[in-house]
């Protein structure tokens, strides 16, 4: 299995790398085996919306410890002078933010058109801008009823959790996830040594693109990471994991909102069946100005794939195809721990 896994990962990395200028790293797990190919494993990338997996897991961790409640109203974590939008008498909860069922729009009020034509469009998104924009925000749907993907919701969740615990988002992720798992290269702000290992981002056609800084929206997409670090997170997802983290991971699995007949939204994840397959997986993709990313796990098969790419060429289809090949190369699944949908 080790040589087969290594061969599958190598071929995927070669196919992706042959078509582009930017760095790419591909990693995968199957049981206790792992494989990694592409650029230097220590290369850092912007991981974009894969950050939301960390934000939701931090929420689950704090819920397990009783610091916050999954179904606690957002207004409890906001300054008293900032009203949380509501609709039809229904309030936004922290679970709604994590599952994209809050009804909030995709971006904060007032961010566009200010940042629309900038090379670093979110750099000016301060906490004050986000919170002040809530005063003028109308919800697109009643909280808890419909799935509307919202960077604002995820960023607001990260900001609210950090302020509630008396820290910043970067420090929150370090304390709740990275240090317990031994992930040393996942962070928002890079020191000079890590900055030197950051792959330069590129457009789809290979033109260099500047880095993004998501400011107070960091919880929606502000983290940098490496493939080895994300494989560590994936290994915790397929087990075993430290006791408290295992309980938090289980909470993200049993909380869900049905999107349609094929997919459901969980805190930090989407669950769906692989294309042309019966295997149900959890995944999240990410993209910033010059990067694309994928983190996908199949817990019942103890398999996972991570792809980090320093261009805007999509990696979701190659990554999901790789995961399907890995699953197909091994024994059948055990009981499926990923519910198709429950309620938030």
Protein backbone atom coordinates (compact mmCIF):
# COMPACT_ATOMS: atom_id res chain seq x y z
CA UNK A 1 0.00 0.00 0.00
CA UNK A 2 2.88 2.38 0.80
CA UNK A 3 4.34 2.20 -2.73
CA UNK A 4 0.91 2.49 -4.36
CA UNK A 5 -0.05 5.52 -2.26
CA UNK A 6 3.31 7.13 -3.04
CA UNK A 7 2.85 6.50 -6.75
CA UNK A 8 -0.68 7.97 -6.82
CA UNK A 9 0.43 11.13 -4.99
CA UNK A 10 3.54 11.53 -7.16
CA UNK A 11 1.55 11.29 -10.38
CA UNK A 12 -0.97 13.88 -9.17
CA UNK A 13 1.82 16.28 -8.17
CA UNK A 14 3.55 15.82 -11.52
CA UNK A 15 0.36 16.46 -13.49
CA UNK A 16 -0.38 19.65 -11.57
CA UNK A 17 3.20 20.91 -11.60
CA UNK A 18 3.67 20.33 -15.32
CA UNK A 19 0.97 22.83 -16.26
CA UNK A 20 1.98 25.83 -14.17
CA UNK A 21 4.67 28.17 -12.93
CA UNK A 22 3.90 28.26 -9.18
CA UNK A 23 4.84 25.69 -6.54
CA UNK A 24 2.50 22.82 -5.69
CA UNK A 25 2.62 20.21 -2.93
CA UNK A 26 0.36 17.14 -2.75
CA UNK A 27 0.01 14.95 0.34
CA UNK A 28 -2.20 12.01 1.29
CA UNK A 29 -2.96 9.56 4.09
CA UNK A 30 -4.32 6.03 4.09
CA UNK A 31 -4.46 4.48 7.53
CA UNK A 32 -1.01 4.78 9.08
CA UNK A 33 0.69 5.42 5.72
CA UNK A 34 1.43 8.83 4.19
CA UNK A 35 2.97 10.23 1.02
CA UNK A 36 4.01 13.70 -0.10
CA UNK A 37 5.34 15.02 -3.44
CA UNK A 38 5.94 18.32 -5.20
CA UNK A 39 7.81 21.34 -3.85
CA UNK A 40 9.75 21.30 -0.59
CA UNK A 41 7.45 20.07 2.22
CA UNK A 42 8.31 23.15 4.28
CA UNK A 43 6.85 25.50 1.66
CA UNK A 44 4.10 27.72 3.04
CA UNK A 45 0.99 28.75 1.12
CA UNK A 46 -2.06 30.92 1.73
CA UNK A 47 -4.81 28.34 2.39
CA UNK A 48 -7.77 30.67 1.92
CA UNK A 49 -11.11 29.27 3.03
CA UNK A 50 -9.62 26.05 4.39
CA UNK A 51 -9.09 28.43 7.34
CA UNK A 52 -12.81 28.03 8.08
CA UNK A 53 -12.13 24.44 9.21
CA UNK A 54 -9.87 25.85 11.94
CA UNK A 55 -12.38 28.53 12.95
CA UNK A 56 -15.16 25.97 13.34
CA UNK A 57 -12.95 23.52 15.23
CA UNK A 58 -11.95 26.32 17.63
CA UNK A 59 -15.67 26.95 18.19
CA UNK A 60 -16.20 23.25 18.90
CA UNK A 61 -13.26 23.20 21.30
CA UNK A 62 -14.60 26.16 23.26
CA UNK A 63 -18.05 24.54 23.27
CA UNK A 64 -16.69 21.29 24.69
CA UNK A 65 -15.06 23.27 27.53
CA UNK A 66 -18.21 25.30 28.19
CA UNK A 67 -16.65 28.64 27.26
CA UNK A 68 -19.37 29.25 24.66
CA UNK A 69 -22.38 27.31 23.41
CA UNK A 70 -22.81 26.04 19.89
CA UNK A 71 -26.37 27.40 19.85
CA UNK A 72 -25.52 30.56 21.78
CA UNK A 73 -26.76 33.77 20.14
CA UNK A 74 -24.10 35.81 18.38
CA UNK A 75 -25.35 38.93 20.18
CA UNK A 76 -23.94 37.53 23.45
CA UNK A 77 -20.41 37.89 22.05
CA UNK A 78 -20.82 41.33 20.49
CA UNK A 79 -20.27 44.73 22.10
CA UNK A 80 -23.49 46.01 23.67
CA UNK A 81 -23.82 48.83 21.16
CA UNK A 82 -23.64 46.49 18.15
CA UNK A 83 -27.00 44.90 17.28
CA UNK A 84 -26.93 41.46 15.65
CA UNK A 85 -29.29 41.28 12.66
CA UNK A 86 -32.29 38.98 12.99
CA UNK A 87 -35.24 38.04 10.81
CA UNK A 88 -38.74 36.81 11.59
CA UNK A 89 -37.82 36.88 15.27
CA UNK A 90 -34.98 34.37 14.80
CA UNK A 91 -31.49 35.27 16.04
CA UNK A 92 -28.12 34.23 14.61
CA UNK A 93 -26.32 31.56 16.65
CA UNK A 94 -22.66 30.56 16.55
CA UNK A 95 -23.65 27.29 14.82
CA UNK A 96 -25.39 29.30 12.11
CA UNK A 97 -22.17 31.20 11.45
CA UNK A 98 -20.14 27.97 11.29
CA UNK A 99 -22.61 26.24 8.93
CA UNK A 100 -23.32 29.25 6.67
CA UNK A 101 -26.99 29.33 7.66
CA UNK A 102 -26.95 32.75 9.35
CA UNK A 103 -28.51 34.55 6.39
CA UNK A 104 -25.63 37.04 6.38
CA UNK A 105 -24.37 38.29 3.00
CA UNK A 106 -21.12 36.99 1.58
CA UNK A 107 -19.05 40.10 2.44
CA UNK A 108 -19.17 42.86 5.09
CA UNK A 109 -21.21 45.96 4.45
CA UNK A 110 -18.95 48.78 3.28
CA UNK A 111 -16.09 46.58 2.05
CA UNK A 112 -17.08 46.91 -1.58
CA UNK A 113 -16.56 48.79 -3.82
CA UNK A 114 -13.70 50.11 -1.64
CA UNK A 115 -11.58 46.98 -2.07
CA UNK A 116 -12.97 45.65 -5.33
CA UNK A 117 -10.11 46.77 -7.59
CA UNK A 118 -7.26 46.46 -5.11
CA UNK A 119 -4.59 43.79 -5.33
CA UNK A 120 -5.06 43.15 -1.57
CA UNK A 121 -8.85 43.64 -1.35
CA UNK A 122 -9.49 42.73 2.30
CA UNK A 123 -6.57 44.52 3.96
CA UNK A 124 -8.81 47.39 5.06
CA UNK A 125 -11.44 45.17 6.65
CA UNK A 126 -11.02 46.16 10.29
CA UNK A 127 -13.07 44.85 13.18
CA UNK A 128 -14.70 48.25 13.44
CA UNK A 129 -15.77 48.14 9.77
CA UNK A 130 -17.23 44.66 10.19
CA UNK A 131 -19.12 45.42 13.38
CA UNK A 132 -20.35 48.81 12.23
CA UNK A 133 -21.59 47.22 9.02
CA UNK A 134 -23.82 44.88 11.03
CA UNK A 135 -25.96 47.88 11.97
CA UNK A 136 -26.95 48.22 8.29
CA UNK A 137 -27.01 44.54 7.32
CA UNK A 138 -30.23 42.80 6.29
CA UNK A 139 -30.32 39.02 6.38
CA UNK A 140 -30.96 37.13 3.16
CA UNK A 141 -32.98 34.45 4.93
CA UNK A 142 -34.27 33.47 8.37
CA UNK A 143 -31.33 32.16 10.45
CA UNK A 144 -31.07 28.38 10.40
CA UNK A 145 -33.26 27.85 7.35
CA UNK A 146 -31.07 28.21 4.25
CA UNK A 147 -27.44 27.74 3.25
CA UNK A 148 -25.77 30.96 2.03
CA UNK A 149 -21.96 30.79 1.94
CA UNK A 150 -20.68 33.79 3.88
CA UNK A 151 -17.11 34.96 4.39
CA UNK A 152 -18.59 37.62 6.64
CA UNK A 153 -20.17 34.97 8.87
CA UNK A 154 -16.97 32.95 9.23
CA UNK A 155 -14.84 36.05 9.77
CA UNK A 156 -17.30 37.36 12.32
CA UNK A 157 -17.20 34.02 14.15
CA UNK A 158 -13.40 34.12 14.36
CA UNK A 159 -13.41 37.72 15.52
CA UNK A 160 -16.14 37.15 18.13
CA UNK A 161 -14.47 34.02 19.58
CA UNK A 162 -11.10 35.75 19.81
CA UNK A 163 -12.52 38.83 21.54
CA UNK A 164 -14.62 36.70 23.88
CA UNK A 165 -11.52 34.78 24.99
CA UNK A 166 -9.41 37.92 25.31
CA UNK A 167 -7.01 37.21 22.47
CA UNK A 168 -6.61 37.58 18.69
CA UNK A 169 -7.59 35.06 16.02
CA UNK A 170 -4.03 33.89 15.33
CA UNK A 171 -3.40 33.18 19.02
CA UNK A 172 -6.78 31.45 19.35
CA UNK A 173 -5.93 28.97 16.59
CA UNK A 174 -2.48 28.35 18.07
CA UNK A 175 -3.91 27.62 21.52
CA UNK A 176 -6.92 25.52 20.51
CA UNK A 177 -5.59 23.53 17.55
CA UNK A 178 -1.98 24.00 16.49
CA UNK A 179 -0.15 23.49 19.79
CA UNK A 180 -2.26 20.48 20.87
CA UNK A 181 -1.54 18.81 17.52
CA UNK A 182 2.07 19.97 17.13
CA UNK A 183 1.40 22.06 14.01
CA UNK A 184 4.26 24.55 13.89
CA UNK A 185 3.74 26.32 10.55
CA UNK A 186 0.04 27.24 10.59
CA UNK A 187 -0.56 30.89 11.43
CA UNK A 188 -1.90 34.19 10.15
CA UNK A 189 1.18 36.34 10.67
CA UNK A 190 4.48 34.94 9.39
CA UNK A 191 7.83 35.72 11.00
CA UNK A 192 10.80 36.46 8.69
CA UNK A 193 11.95 32.82 8.59
CA UNK A 194 8.51 31.58 7.55
CA UNK A 195 8.02 34.46 5.13
CA UNK A 196 11.14 33.24 3.33
CA UNK A 197 9.42 29.86 2.87
CA UNK A 198 6.18 31.33 1.49
CA UNK A 199 5.63 30.33 -2.13
CA UNK A 200 4.94 33.27 -4.41
CA UNK A 201 1.36 33.30 -5.66
CA UNK A 202 0.45 33.33 -9.35
CA UNK A 203 -2.55 33.92 -11.55
CA UNK A 204 -3.99 31.15 -13.69
CA UNK A 205 -1.77 32.30 -16.57
CA UNK A 206 1.37 32.40 -14.40
CA UNK A 207 1.60 36.10 -13.57
CA UNK A 208 2.90 36.86 -10.04
CA UNK A 209 0.20 37.94 -7.59
CA UNK A 210 0.75 39.78 -4.29
CA UNK A 211 -0.18 38.19 -0.96
CA UNK A 212 -3.51 38.88 0.70
CA UNK A 213 -4.08 40.13 4.25
CA UNK A 214 -7.58 39.46 5.54
CA UNK A 215 -7.31 41.67 8.64
CA UNK A 216 -10.40 41.12 10.84
CA UNK A 217 -11.77 38.60 8.31
CA UNK A 218 -8.89 36.25 9.17
CA UNK A 219 -11.29 33.58 10.43
CA UNK A 220 -12.69 33.29 6.92
CA UNK A 221 -9.40 32.78 5.07
CA UNK A 222 -6.35 34.35 6.67
CA UNK A 223 -4.18 31.35 7.60
CA UNK A 224 -0.97 30.16 5.97
CA UNK A 225 0.09 26.53 6.28
CA UNK A 226 2.10 23.64 4.86
CA UNK A 227 0.99 20.25 3.58
CA UNK A 228 2.62 18.42 6.54
CA UNK A 229 0.68 20.60 9.00
CA UNK A 230 -2.61 20.01 7.20
CA UNK A 231 -1.92 16.28 7.04
CA UNK A 232 -1.54 16.43 10.82
CA UNK A 233 -5.00 18.01 11.07
CA UNK A 234 -6.35 15.41 8.65
CA UNK A 235 -4.88 12.60 10.74
CA UNK A 236 -6.71 13.96 13.79
CA UNK A 237 -9.91 13.92 11.72
CA UNK A 238 -9.53 10.25 10.82
CA UNK A 239 -8.33 9.36 14.33
CA UNK A 240 -7.02 9.01 16.85
CA UNK A 241 -6.90 12.55 18.26
CA UNK A 242 -6.26 14.01 21.72
CA UNK A 243 -9.33 13.43 23.89
CA UNK A 244 -10.71 16.98 23.99
CA UNK A 245 -10.04 17.53 20.29
CA UNK A 246 -11.68 14.20 19.48
CA UNK A 247 -14.83 15.36 21.26
CA UNK A 248 -14.74 18.67 19.38
CA UNK A 249 -14.26 16.87 16.04
CA UNK A 250 -17.23 14.62 16.82
CA UNK A 251 -19.32 17.72 17.50
CA UNK A 252 -18.53 19.13 14.05
CA UNK A 253 -19.67 15.82 12.51
CA UNK A 254 -23.00 15.57 14.32
CA UNK A 255 -23.96 19.18 13.62
CA UNK A 256 -25.15 19.71 10.06
CA UNK A 257 -27.58 21.48 7.75
CA UNK A 258 -28.80 19.81 4.58
CA UNK A 259 -27.89 21.82 1.49
CA UNK A 260 -29.55 19.50 -1.01
CA UNK A 261 -30.10 15.79 -1.57
CA UNK A 262 -26.37 15.21 -2.09
CA UNK A 263 -24.61 17.55 0.35
CA UNK A 264 -24.72 18.96 3.86
CA UNK A 265 -22.91 21.79 5.61
CA UNK A 266 -21.10 21.03 8.87
CA UNK A 267 -19.11 23.46 11.02
CA UNK A 268 -16.02 23.99 8.88
CA UNK A 269 -16.85 21.34 6.26
CA UNK A 270 -19.12 20.26 3.46
CA UNK A 271 -20.04 16.57 3.35
CA UNK A 272 -20.94 14.98 0.03
CA UNK A 273 -20.41 11.88 -2.06
CA UNK A 274 -17.34 11.66 -4.27
CA UNK A 275 -18.14 12.18 -7.97
CA UNK A 276 -19.30 8.92 -9.50
CA UNK A 277 -18.92 7.19 -6.14
CA UNK A 278 -20.79 6.14 -3.02
CA UNK A 279 -18.12 7.27 -0.57
CA UNK A 280 -19.17 10.18 1.64
CA UNK A 281 -16.39 12.63 2.44
CA UNK A 282 -15.77 15.91 4.25
CA UNK A 283 -13.93 18.64 2.38
CA UNK A 284 -13.15 22.32 2.10
CA UNK A 285 -11.51 24.25 -0.71
CA UNK A 286 -9.77 27.60 -0.54
CA UNK A 287 -8.63 30.38 -2.83
CA UNK A 288 -6.95 33.76 -2.50
CA UNK A 289 -5.41 36.11 -5.06
CA UNK A 290 -2.62 33.72 -6.07
CA UNK A 291 -3.35 30.38 -4.38
CA UNK A 292 -5.73 27.40 -4.35
CA UNK A 293 -6.10 24.69 -1.70
CA UNK A 294 -8.00 21.52 -0.85
CA UNK A 295 -8.40 19.52 2.36
CA UNK A 296 -10.55 16.39 1.98
CA UNK A 297 -11.01 13.48 4.36
CA UNK A 298 -12.86 10.17 4.20
CA UNK A 299 -13.05 9.23 7.89
CA UNK A 300 -14.61 5.78 7.43
CA UNK A 301 -11.78 4.85 5.03
CA UNK A 302 -9.11 6.58 7.17
CA UNK A 303 -7.97 8.44 4.06
CA UNK A 304 -7.24 12.10 3.33
CA UNK A 305 -5.79 14.37 0.64
CA UNK A 306 -4.21 17.82 0.91
CA UNK A 307 -3.19 19.96 -2.07
CA UNK A 308 -1.66 23.43 -1.78
CA UNK A 309 -1.04 25.32 -5.02
CA UNK A 310 0.66 28.68 -5.60
CA UNK A 311 -1.50 29.51 -8.62
CA UNK A 312 -5.20 30.07 -9.07
CA UNK A 313 -5.60 26.87 -11.11
CA UNK A 314 -8.26 24.78 -9.33
CA UNK A 315 -7.14 21.69 -7.42
CA UNK A 316 -10.48 20.29 -6.23
CA UNK A 317 -11.08 17.86 -9.11
CA UNK A 318 -7.51 16.42 -9.14
CA UNK A 319 -7.64 16.14 -5.35
CA UNK A 320 -11.00 14.41 -5.20
CA UNK A 321 -9.97 12.07 -8.01
CA UNK A 322 -6.86 11.21 -6.00
CA UNK A 323 -8.93 10.54 -2.89
CA UNK A 324 -11.24 8.26 -4.88
CA UNK A 325 -8.23 6.32 -6.20
CA UNK A 326 -6.81 5.95 -2.69
CA UNK A 327 -10.13 4.69 -1.34
CA UNK A 328 -10.52 2.32 -4.25
CA UNK A 329 -7.10 0.80 -3.60
CA UNK A 330 -7.97 -0.40 -0.09
CA UNK A 331 -10.56 -2.42 1.86
CA UNK A 332 -14.19 -1.35 2.12
CA UNK A 333 -15.47 1.13 4.71
CA UNK A 334 -16.61 0.58 8.23
CA UNK A 335 -19.68 2.32 9.66
CA UNK A 336 -20.09 5.79 8.16
CA UNK A 337 -19.50 8.43 10.89
CA UNK A 338 -20.51 11.34 8.63
CA UNK A 339 -24.25 12.01 8.88
CA UNK A 340 -25.94 13.10 5.68
CA UNK A 341 -27.77 15.80 7.63
CA UNK A 342 -29.02 16.60 11.06
CA UNK A 343 -30.15 19.95 12.38
CA UNK A 344 -28.35 22.98 13.71
